[in-house]
Amino acid sequence: MRTTDFAQCLTAYLTVYLPGQLGLSENTIMSYRDTFKLVLLFAEQKRSLRPERITLADFNAEFITAFLFWLEKERGCCTATRNQRLSALRAFAQYARSQHPAYLLESQKIEDMRGKKSPAPTIAYLTPDDMASILLQPDTETKYGRRDMILLSLMYDSGARVQELCDLQVRDIRLRKPPTVTLTGKGNKTRHVPLMSSTAAVLADYFRENKLSLNEKLDWPLFTNHQGKKLTRAGVTYILQKYVTAAKEINPNLPSKISPHVLRHSKAMHMLQAGTNLIYIRDFLGHTHVDTTEIYARTDTDMKRRAIESVQIKIEPDLPQWTEDKSLMSMLTNLCGNN
């Protein structure tokens, strides 16, 4: 069977252009790949187009509009997910135009498509007491209980994304003063994050227990599962949720489900409430722009406003109507007339 221009373009885009020329991380490329898996599924189910028969002529603005509608209405995707998929498709259209100049007009139509507006996201975060109640749950008398306590402590203290935590190697931890952890985030960008002395102390115990200071173990995963392999995002989420469930028995106000990203939000909010400058929080979290970090400031401002409003003294609307005071009205009229 003859290969279509769409198949050739998509293969080169995912296997050569994104990793080779743009240098995107594996996780980012997987996100693009997942978008196109959905595109192929939509084409087959709703357009009776088998994947191997799709051409660039089929991949037009009308096709993408229908695909986005299908994502929302039939797959129940939120606006943010819809916009993320659209962004990936626009980027591909731009690449396809460079490989097939005849695709220029259609690619311009696709690039002109705009994402839907969505409500400002709300930030879910824990109080320091909530966080402490979770960290108290692992049984530190057991090997894996100690691992879990240290894992959760490091995830909160460093504000790491869950994938950054999973990817940590032994060499990424510096226990000498000042103790730091080196995190590799989006776009393979690294940042050095300082650690609290208490976190460094439990990490030092973890290194001694597992003999991680040996040179031959520098490239080992910092946290491993029962098979000795590095933990996955699903594994970290499972560990966290297990202790959230346990903590909820003594802290009923704790949300029933807490994702690893909530710990990242919590660290950022606690830093902000402690008076840390937004620029420092941006660098700490590995954000590219401070605009992304400002969402924490807006959340904190809203929280303070609600607290202030809750203690405001309400003035009953039984004051006299000043418009009924004829002498006052006359004075105001004369005042304005003199000007």
Protein backbone atom coordinates (compact mmCIF):
# COMPACT_ATOMS: atom_id res chain seq x y z
CA MET A 1 0.00 0.00 0.00
CA ARG A 2 1.25 3.44 -0.90
CA THR A 3 2.15 5.65 2.07
CA THR A 4 0.09 8.84 2.33
CA ASP A 5 1.53 12.32 2.77
CA PHE A 6 -0.16 12.53 6.19
CA ALA A 7 1.47 9.28 7.39
CA GLN A 8 4.91 10.36 6.15
CA CYS A 9 4.54 13.78 7.76
CA LEU A 10 3.28 12.49 11.10
CA THR A 11 5.99 9.83 11.39
CA ALA A 12 8.78 12.33 10.69
CA TYR A 13 7.19 14.85 13.03
CA LEU A 14 7.00 12.49 16.03
CA THR A 15 10.24 10.56 15.51
CA VAL A 16 12.62 13.14 14.00
CA TYR A 17 11.42 16.72 14.30
CA LEU A 18 10.14 16.84 17.91
CA PRO A 19 12.99 14.89 19.56
CA GLY A 20 15.79 15.79 17.15
CA GLN A 21 15.24 19.39 16.10
CA LEU A 22 13.12 20.74 18.95
CA GLY A 23 14.71 18.55 21.61
CA LEU A 24 11.43 17.97 23.43
CA SER A 25 11.27 15.60 26.36
CA GLU A 26 9.85 12.11 26.11
CA ASN A 27 6.79 13.08 28.12
CA THR A 28 5.99 16.01 25.84
CA ILE A 29 6.34 13.83 22.75
CA MET A 30 4.05 11.25 24.36
CA SER A 31 1.45 13.98 24.85
CA TYR A 32 1.61 14.84 21.14
CA ARG A 33 1.42 11.13 20.29
CA ASP A 34 -1.68 10.71 22.45
CA THR A 35 -3.35 13.59 20.61
CA PHE A 36 -2.86 11.88 17.29
CA LYS A 37 -4.04 8.54 18.65
CA LEU A 38 -7.32 10.29 19.37
CA VAL A 39 -7.32 11.88 15.91
CA LEU A 40 -6.96 8.46 14.28
CA LEU A 41 -9.70 7.05 16.50
CA PHE A 42 -12.03 9.91 15.57
CA ALA A 43 -11.28 9.53 11.86
CA GLU A 44 -12.11 5.83 11.92
CA GLN A 45 -15.21 6.04 14.12
CA LYS A 46 -16.79 9.24 12.81
CA ARG A 47 -15.42 9.66 9.28
CA SER A 48 -14.95 6.00 8.29
CA LEU A 49 -11.36 6.87 7.45
CA ARG A 50 -8.85 4.16 8.24
CA PRO A 51 -5.58 5.56 9.62
CA GLU A 52 -3.52 4.42 6.65
CA ARG A 53 -5.81 6.27 4.24
CA ILE A 54 -5.82 9.71 5.87
CA THR A 55 -4.22 12.42 3.74
CA LEU A 56 -3.30 16.02 4.45
CA ALA A 57 -6.32 16.99 2.37
CA ASP A 58 -8.49 15.23 4.96
CA PHE A 59 -6.68 16.94 7.81
CA ASN A 60 -8.32 20.34 7.37
CA ALA A 61 -9.93 22.98 9.57
CA GLU A 62 -13.39 21.42 9.26
CA PHE A 63 -12.00 18.02 10.30
CA ILE A 64 -10.29 19.53 13.36
CA THR A 65 -13.40 21.49 14.37
CA ALA A 66 -15.43 18.27 14.32
CA PHE A 67 -12.68 16.46 16.22
CA LEU A 68 -12.68 19.08 18.99
CA PHE A 69 -16.46 18.91 19.25
CA TRP A 70 -16.21 15.10 19.55
CA LEU A 71 -13.62 15.45 22.34
CA GLU A 72 -15.93 17.65 24.38
CA LYS A 73 -19.31 16.07 23.73
CA GLU A 74 -18.55 12.37 23.42
CA ARG A 75 -15.37 11.93 25.41
CA GLY A 76 -16.22 14.50 28.07
CA CYS A 77 -12.92 16.39 27.86
CA CYS A 78 -12.70 19.72 29.65
CA THR A 79 -11.94 23.01 27.90
CA ALA A 80 -8.31 22.94 29.01
CA THR A 81 -7.78 19.48 27.47
CA ARG A 82 -9.54 20.56 24.29
CA ASN A 83 -7.26 23.59 23.99
CA GLN A 84 -4.18 21.47 24.66
CA ARG A 85 -5.12 19.09 21.83
CA LEU A 86 -5.77 22.02 19.49
CA SER A 87 -2.36 23.47 20.30
CA ALA A 88 -0.71 20.17 19.33
CA LEU A 89 -2.64 20.03 16.05
CA ARG A 90 -1.76 23.61 15.15
CA ALA A 91 1.92 22.88 15.75
CA PHE A 92 1.73 19.85 13.45
CA ALA A 93 -0.04 21.87 10.75
CA GLN A 94 2.78 24.40 10.85
CA TYR A 95 5.35 21.61 10.40
CA ALA A 96 3.33 19.97 7.59
CA ARG A 97 3.29 23.28 5.71
CA SER A 98 7.08 23.37 5.71
CA GLN A 99 7.19 19.89 4.16
CA HIS A 100 4.30 20.34 1.71
CA PRO A 101 3.98 23.94 0.44
CA ALA A 102 0.64 23.09 -1.23
CA TYR A 103 -0.75 22.68 2.30
CA LEU A 104 -0.04 26.35 3.08
CA LEU A 105 -3.62 27.69 2.83
CA GLU A 106 -5.17 24.93 4.94
CA SER A 107 -2.43 25.16 7.55
CA GLN A 108 -3.09 28.89 7.89
CA LYS A 109 -6.78 28.19 8.52
CA ILE A 110 -5.82 25.70 11.23
CA GLU A 111 -3.31 28.06 12.83
CA ASP A 112 -6.00 30.75 12.95
CA MET A 113 -8.22 28.51 15.09
CA ARG A 114 -8.36 29.79 18.66
CA GLY A 115 -8.88 27.95 21.91
CA LYS A 116 -12.08 28.31 23.91
CA LYS A 117 -12.09 30.54 26.94
CA SER A 118 -12.34 28.67 30.18
CA PRO A 119 -12.92 29.79 33.77
CA ALA A 120 -9.81 30.70 35.72
CA PRO A 121 -8.50 27.52 37.33
CA THR A 122 -8.85 27.12 41.06
CA ILE A 123 -5.81 26.10 43.02
CA ALA A 124 -6.25 23.18 45.39
CA TYR A 125 -3.75 23.21 48.22
CA LEU A 126 -3.30 21.91 51.75
CA THR A 127 -2.70 23.76 54.98
CA PRO A 128 0.56 23.03 56.83
CA ASP A 129 -1.44 21.00 59.37
CA ASP A 130 -3.06 18.98 56.57
CA MET A 131 0.35 18.26 55.09
CA ALA A 132 1.73 17.23 58.48
CA SER A 133 -1.17 14.83 59.05
CA ILE A 134 -0.32 13.01 55.81
CA LEU A 135 3.42 12.81 56.56
CA LEU A 136 2.67 11.20 59.93
CA GLN A 137 0.90 8.21 58.35
CA PRO A 138 3.76 6.07 56.91
CA ASP A 139 4.99 3.37 59.27
CA THR A 140 8.64 4.31 59.63
CA GLU A 141 9.34 1.00 61.39
CA THR A 142 9.25 -0.67 57.95
CA LYS A 143 11.57 -0.19 54.97
CA TYR A 144 8.86 0.87 52.55
CA GLY A 145 7.18 3.03 55.16
CA ARG A 146 10.44 4.97 55.54
CA ARG A 147 10.75 5.22 51.75
CA ASP A 148 7.22 6.60 51.49
CA MET A 149 7.72 9.17 54.25
CA ILE A 150 10.92 10.44 52.61
CA LEU A 151 9.34 10.43 49.15
CA LEU A 152 6.37 12.52 50.29
CA SER A 153 8.60 14.86 52.30
CA LEU A 154 10.88 15.46 49.32
CA MET A 155 7.96 15.93 46.92
CA TYR A 156 6.49 18.64 49.14
CA ASP A 157 9.76 20.28 50.17
CA SER A 158 11.08 20.55 46.59
CA GLY A 159 7.75 21.39 44.92
CA ALA A 160 8.66 18.77 42.31
CA ARG A 161 6.33 17.66 39.56
CA VAL A 162 5.51 13.98 39.92
CA GLN A 163 7.52 13.01 36.82
CA GLU A 164 10.49 15.01 38.08
CA LEU A 165 10.34 13.00 41.29
CA CYS A 166 10.12 9.68 39.42
CA ASP A 167 13.12 10.59 37.26
CA LEU A 168 15.39 11.44 40.19
CA GLN A 169 18.68 9.56 40.35
CA VAL A 170 20.95 9.20 43.36
CA ARG A 171 23.41 11.70 41.87
CA ASP A 172 20.70 14.38 41.88
CA ILE A 173 20.77 14.65 45.67
CA ARG A 174 23.43 16.81 47.33
CA LEU A 175 23.62 16.19 51.06
CA ARG A 176 26.62 18.44 51.75
CA LYS A 177 25.80 21.97 52.85
CA PRO A 178 23.84 23.55 51.34
CA PRO A 179 21.69 20.46 50.60
CA THR A 180 19.94 20.60 47.23
CA VAL A 181 18.08 18.43 44.75
CA THR A 182 18.56 18.77 40.99
CA LEU A 183 15.24 18.46 39.15
CA THR A 184 14.87 17.99 35.40
CA GLY A 185 11.60 19.47 34.23
CA LYS A 186 9.80 20.34 31.02
CA GLY A 187 12.03 20.76 28.00
CA ASN A 188 14.84 18.95 29.86
CA LYS A 189 15.52 22.12 31.83
CA THR A 190 17.26 21.54 35.14
CA ARG A 191 17.04 23.56 38.32
CA HIS A 192 18.72 23.23 41.71
CA VAL A 193 16.26 23.41 44.58
CA PRO A 194 17.40 23.94 48.19
CA LEU A 195 16.19 21.46 50.79
CA MET A 196 15.24 22.00 54.41
CA SER A 197 17.69 20.56 56.90
CA SER A 198 15.03 18.13 58.18
CA THR A 199 14.49 16.74 54.67
CA ALA A 200 18.23 16.45 54.13
CA ALA A 201 18.55 14.56 57.44
CA VAL A 202 15.99 11.89 56.54
CA LEU A 203 17.52 11.59 53.07
CA ALA A 204 20.93 10.98 54.67
CA ASP A 205 19.39 8.14 56.71
CA TYR A 206 17.82 6.76 53.53
CA PHE A 207 21.20 6.85 51.75
CA ARG A 208 22.89 4.99 54.61
CA GLU A 209 20.17 2.36 54.85
CA ASN A 210 20.24 1.63 51.12
CA LYS A 211 24.01 2.17 50.67
CA LEU A 212 23.35 4.77 47.99
CA SER A 213 26.60 6.66 48.57
CA LEU A 214 28.56 4.06 46.59
CA ASN A 215 29.84 5.40 43.25
CA GLU A 216 28.32 2.53 41.30
CA LYS A 217 24.86 3.57 42.49
CA LEU A 218 24.99 7.20 41.36
CA ASP A 219 22.82 6.46 38.31
CA TRP A 220 20.28 4.37 40.22
CA PRO A 221 16.73 5.65 40.61
CA LEU A 222 16.36 7.40 43.95
CA PHE A 223 13.02 5.73 44.66
CA THR A 224 12.24 2.20 43.48
CA ASN A 225 9.30 -0.17 43.68
CA HIS A 226 9.29 -3.75 44.99
CA GLN A 227 10.85 -4.94 41.70
CA GLY A 228 13.76 -2.53 42.05
CA LYS A 229 12.57 -0.34 39.16
CA LYS A 230 11.95 3.37 39.37
CA LEU A 231 8.52 4.42 40.55
CA THR A 232 5.97 5.53 37.96
CA ARG A 233 3.59 8.46 38.22
CA ALA A 234 0.78 6.02 38.93
CA GLY A 235 2.88 4.43 41.66
CA VAL A 236 3.58 7.75 43.38
CA THR A 237 -0.11 8.70 43.13
CA TYR A 238 -1.08 5.37 44.72
CA ILE A 239 1.38 5.89 47.60
CA LEU A 240 0.12 9.40 48.29
CA GLN A 241 -3.55 8.42 48.14
CA LYS A 242 -2.97 5.53 50.53
CA TYR A 243 -1.76 7.89 53.23
CA VAL A 244 -4.39 10.53 52.42
CA THR A 245 -7.06 7.90 53.11
CA ALA A 246 -5.39 7.02 56.41
CA ALA A 247 -4.97 10.67 57.41
CA LYS A 248 -8.63 11.43 56.70
CA GLU A 249 -9.64 9.16 59.60
CA ILE A 250 -8.02 11.59 62.04
CA ASN A 251 -8.48 14.72 59.94
CA PRO A 252 -12.04 14.62 58.47
CA ASN A 253 -11.59 18.00 56.77
CA LEU A 254 -8.92 16.57 54.48
CA PRO A 255 -10.09 16.17 50.85
CA SER A 256 -10.80 12.56 49.89
CA LYS A 257 -8.56 12.66 46.84
CA ILE A 258 -5.29 14.55 46.63
CA SER A 259 -3.02 14.37 43.59
CA PRO A 260 0.77 14.80 43.74
CA HIS A 261 0.35 18.19 42.04
CA VAL A 262 -1.61 19.41 45.07
CA LEU A 263 1.58 19.04 47.13
CA ARG A 264 3.37 21.26 44.59
CA HIS A 265 0.59 23.84 44.85
CA SER A 266 0.73 23.62 48.64
CA LYS A 267 4.45 24.34 48.75
CA ALA A 268 4.03 27.36 46.47
CA MET A 269 1.16 28.75 48.55
CA HIS A 270 3.05 28.28 51.80
CA MET A 271 6.09 30.07 50.34
CA LEU A 272 3.88 32.95 49.18
CA GLN A 273 2.17 33.23 52.56
CA ALA A 274 5.60 33.31 54.21
CA GLY A 275 6.44 36.40 52.15
CA THR A 276 8.60 34.82 49.43
CA ASN A 277 8.91 36.93 46.28
CA LEU A 278 7.01 35.62 43.25
CA ILE A 279 10.21 35.65 41.17
CA TYR A 280 11.84 33.23 43.60
CA ILE A 281 8.74 31.01 43.59
CA ARG A 282 8.80 31.02 39.77
CA ASP A 283 12.40 29.81 39.72
CA PHE A 284 11.74 27.34 42.53
CA LEU A 285 8.87 25.71 40.61
CA GLY A 286 10.63 25.87 37.25
CA HIS A 287 8.04 28.09 35.55
CA THR A 288 9.17 29.80 32.35
CA HIS A 289 7.13 32.95 32.95
CA VAL A 290 6.09 34.67 36.16
CA ASP A 291 2.56 34.95 34.69
CA THR A 292 2.14 31.25 35.46
CA THR A 293 3.22 31.78 39.05
CA GLU A 294 0.89 34.74 39.58
CA ILE A 295 -2.07 32.38 39.91
CA TYR A 296 -0.88 31.66 43.46
CA ALA A 297 -0.90 35.37 44.28
CA ARG A 298 -4.42 35.73 42.91
CA THR A 299 -5.58 32.74 44.94
CA ASP A 300 -3.99 34.15 48.09
CA THR A 301 -5.58 37.55 47.48
CA ASP A 302 -9.02 35.98 47.04
CA MET A 303 -8.53 34.00 50.23
CA LYS A 304 -7.62 37.15 52.18
CA ARG A 305 -10.55 39.06 50.70
CA ARG A 306 -13.00 36.36 51.78
CA ALA A 307 -11.49 36.36 55.27
CA ILE A 308 -11.88 40.14 55.52
CA GLU A 309 -15.44 40.07 54.23
CA SER A 310 -16.38 37.40 56.75
CA VAL A 311 -15.67 39.79 59.64
CA GLN A 312 -17.08 42.97 58.09
CA ILE A 313 -19.79 44.74 60.10
CA LYS A 314 -22.89 45.03 57.95
CA ILE A 315 -24.54 48.44 57.93
CA GLU A 316 -28.31 48.18 57.76
CA PRO A 317 -29.86 50.13 54.88
CA ASP A 318 -32.00 52.31 57.15
CA LEU A 319 -30.09 55.58 56.72
CA PRO A 320 -32.12 58.63 55.67
CA GLN A 321 -32.31 59.41 51.97
CA TRP A 322 -30.16 62.50 51.42
CA THR A 323 -32.28 63.44 48.38
CA GLU A 324 -35.18 64.14 50.78
CA ASP A 325 -33.19 66.85 52.57
CA LYS A 326 -34.27 70.00 50.68
CA SER A 327 -31.74 72.31 52.35
CA LEU A 328 -28.90 69.95 51.42
CA MET A 329 -30.15 69.72 47.85
CA SER A 330 -30.34 73.51 47.65
CA MET A 331 -26.78 73.85 48.97
CA LEU A 332 -25.44 71.40 46.41
CA THR A 333 -27.29 73.17 43.60
CA ASN A 334 -25.87 76.55 44.58
CA LEU A 335 -22.39 75.04 44.99
CA CYS A 336 -22.44 73.62 41.48
CA GLY A 337 -23.88 76.86 40.13
CA ASN A 338 -21.04 78.91 41.63
CA ASN A 339 -18.50 76.78 39.77
